[in-house]
Amino acid sequence: MITPTIPLTKELESLFEFLMHQKKPALMADDREFNFLAQLSEKQLDANIRELENRNFRLNLDEAKEMQESFNLGIVEHE
């Protein structure tokens, strides 16, 4: 437990107490994702990485199209 190093207002003390008594979920989303990835073979990991790279590429293309349309409509000016 980390104790506050400065005096807290009553509101902050209440928030601190509330947060300190929160129950951690049995398995966090990050843990589930890690466990899922840890069970994949090297070939499956490569395929997963390729899919993420493809999604990233498509998102960048979509963003570029939206930016170009914004320039064409005069919403955003070229620098």
C-alpha atoms as a PDB file:
ATOM      1  CA  MET A   1       0.000   0.000   0.000  1.00  0.00           C
ATOM      2  CA  ILE A   2       1.247   3.471  -0.891  1.00  0.00           C
ATOM      3  CA  THR A   3       0.481   6.128   1.671  1.00  0.00           C
ATOM      4  CA  PRO A   4      -0.028   9.717   0.549  1.00  0.00           C
ATOM      5  CA  THR A   5       3.030  11.918   1.039  1.00  0.00           C
ATOM      6  CA  ILE A   6       1.043  15.143   1.327  1.00  0.00           C
ATOM      7  CA  PRO A   7      -2.051  16.061   3.335  1.00  0.00           C
ATOM      8  CA  LEU A   8      -5.265  15.233   1.492  1.00  0.00           C
ATOM      9  CA  THR A   9      -8.582  17.034   1.497  1.00  0.00           C
ATOM     10  CA  LYS A  10     -11.575  15.084   2.803  1.00  0.00           C
ATOM     11  CA  GLU A  11     -12.704  14.419  -0.765  1.00  0.00           C
ATOM     12  CA  LEU A  12      -9.297  13.061  -1.751  1.00  0.00           C
ATOM     13  CA  GLU A  13      -9.130  10.973   1.425  1.00  0.00           C
ATOM     14  CA  SER A  14     -12.503   9.446   0.551  1.00  0.00           C
ATOM     15  CA  LEU A  15     -11.345   8.742  -2.990  1.00  0.00           C
ATOM     16  CA  PHE A  16      -8.089   7.242  -1.703  1.00  0.00           C
ATOM     17  CA  GLU A  17      -9.977   4.943   0.683  1.00  0.00           C
ATOM     18  CA  PHE A  18     -12.408   3.928  -2.048  1.00  0.00           C
ATOM     19  CA  LEU A  19      -9.609   3.102  -4.483  1.00  0.00           C
ATOM     20  CA  MET A  20      -7.572   1.217  -1.892  1.00  0.00           C
ATOM     21  CA  HIS A  21     -10.466  -1.137  -1.185  1.00  0.00           C
ATOM     22  CA  GLN A  22     -11.273  -2.010  -4.789  1.00  0.00           C
ATOM     23  CA  LYS A  23     -11.220  -5.692  -5.590  1.00  0.00           C
ATOM     24  CA  LYS A  24      -9.008  -6.649  -8.493  1.00  0.00           C
ATOM     25  CA  PRO A  25     -10.794  -8.753 -11.117  1.00  0.00           C
ATOM     26  CA  ALA A  26      -9.663 -12.364 -11.141  1.00  0.00           C
ATOM     27  CA  LEU A  27      -8.122 -12.024 -14.583  1.00  0.00           C
ATOM     28  CA  MET A  28      -7.415  -8.673 -16.178  1.00  0.00           C
ATOM     29  CA  ALA A  29      -7.893  -8.178 -19.936  1.00  0.00           C
ATOM     30  CA  ASP A  30      -4.121  -7.783 -20.391  1.00  0.00           C
ATOM     31  CA  ASP A  31      -3.566 -11.111 -18.641  1.00  0.00           C
ATOM     32  CA  ARG A  32      -6.107 -12.831 -20.878  1.00  0.00           C
ATOM     33  CA  GLU A  33      -4.460 -11.403 -23.989  1.00  0.00           C
ATOM     34  CA  PHE A  34      -1.012 -12.442 -22.747  1.00  0.00           C
ATOM     35  CA  ASN A  35      -2.208 -15.971 -21.974  1.00  0.00           C
ATOM     36  CA  PHE A  36      -3.862 -16.221 -25.387  1.00  0.00           C
ATOM     37  CA  LEU A  37      -0.697 -15.098 -27.173  1.00  0.00           C
ATOM     38  CA  ALA A  38       1.538 -17.309 -25.019  1.00  0.00           C
ATOM     39  CA  GLN A  39      -0.356 -20.398 -26.201  1.00  0.00           C
ATOM     40  CA  LEU A  40       0.104 -19.657 -29.906  1.00  0.00           C
ATOM     41  CA  SER A  41       2.709 -21.401 -32.010  1.00  0.00           C
ATOM     42  CA  GLU A  42       5.375 -19.357 -33.778  1.00  0.00           C
ATOM     43  CA  LYS A  43       3.467 -19.709 -37.046  1.00  0.00           C
ATOM     44  CA  GLN A  44       0.233 -18.531 -35.388  1.00  0.00           C
ATOM     45  CA  LEU A  45       2.063 -15.587 -33.805  1.00  0.00           C
ATOM     46  CA  ASP A  46       3.460 -14.610 -37.201  1.00  0.00           C
ATOM     47  CA  ALA A  47      -0.042 -14.731 -38.682  1.00  0.00           C
ATOM     48  CA  ASN A  48      -1.375 -12.644 -35.793  1.00  0.00           C
ATOM     49  CA  ILE A  49       1.387 -10.069 -36.298  1.00  0.00           C
ATOM     50  CA  ARG A  50       0.697  -9.923 -40.054  1.00  0.00           C
ATOM     51  CA  GLU A  51      -2.999  -9.341 -39.372  1.00  0.00           C
ATOM     52  CA  LEU A  52      -2.182  -6.489 -36.962  1.00  0.00           C
ATOM     53  CA  GLU A  53       0.217  -4.968 -39.489  1.00  0.00           C
ATOM     54  CA  ASN A  54      -2.478  -5.196 -42.185  1.00  0.00           C
ATOM     55  CA  ARG A  55      -5.013  -3.507 -39.904  1.00  0.00           C
ATOM     56  CA  ASN A  56      -2.498  -0.774 -39.131  1.00  0.00           C
ATOM     57  CA  PHE A  57      -1.826  -0.249 -42.839  1.00  0.00           C
ATOM     58  CA  ARG A  58      -5.551  -0.067 -43.658  1.00  0.00           C
ATOM     59  CA  LEU A  59      -6.139   2.405 -40.817  1.00  0.00           C
ATOM     60  CA  ASN A  60      -3.312   4.592 -42.106  1.00  0.00           C
ATOM     61  CA  LEU A  61      -4.791   4.487 -45.617  1.00  0.00           C
ATOM     62  CA  ASP A  62      -8.218   5.437 -44.261  1.00  0.00           C
ATOM     63  CA  GLU A  63      -6.700   8.294 -42.270  1.00  0.00           C
ATOM     64  CA  ALA A  64      -4.810   9.553 -45.333  1.00  0.00           C
ATOM     65  CA  LYS A  65      -8.031   9.502 -47.398  1.00  0.00           C
ATOM     66  CA  GLU A  66      -9.886  11.418 -44.670  1.00  0.00           C
ATOM     67  CA  MET A  67      -7.086  13.975 -44.413  1.00  0.00           C
ATOM     68  CA  GLN A  68      -7.037  14.437 -48.196  1.00  0.00           C
ATOM     69  CA  GLU A  69     -10.788  14.952 -48.214  1.00  0.00           C
ATOM     70  CA  SER A  70     -10.433  17.497 -45.394  1.00  0.00           C
ATOM     71  CA  PHE A  71      -7.838  19.374 -47.456  1.00  0.00           C
ATOM     72  CA  ASN A  72     -10.070  19.239 -50.549  1.00  0.00           C
ATOM     73  CA  LEU A  73     -13.071  20.575 -48.623  1.00  0.00           C
ATOM     74  CA  GLY A  74     -11.005  23.325 -47.011  1.00  0.00           C
ATOM     75  CA  ILE A  75     -11.601  21.991 -43.498  1.00  0.00           C
ATOM     76  CA  VAL A  76      -7.862  21.642 -42.911  1.00  0.00           C
ATOM     77  CA  GLU A  77      -5.212  23.809 -44.555  1.00  0.00           C
ATOM     78  CA  HIS A  78      -1.887  22.554 -45.872  1.00  0.00           C
ATOM     79  CA  GLU A  79       1.035  23.666 -43.732  1.00  0.00           C
END
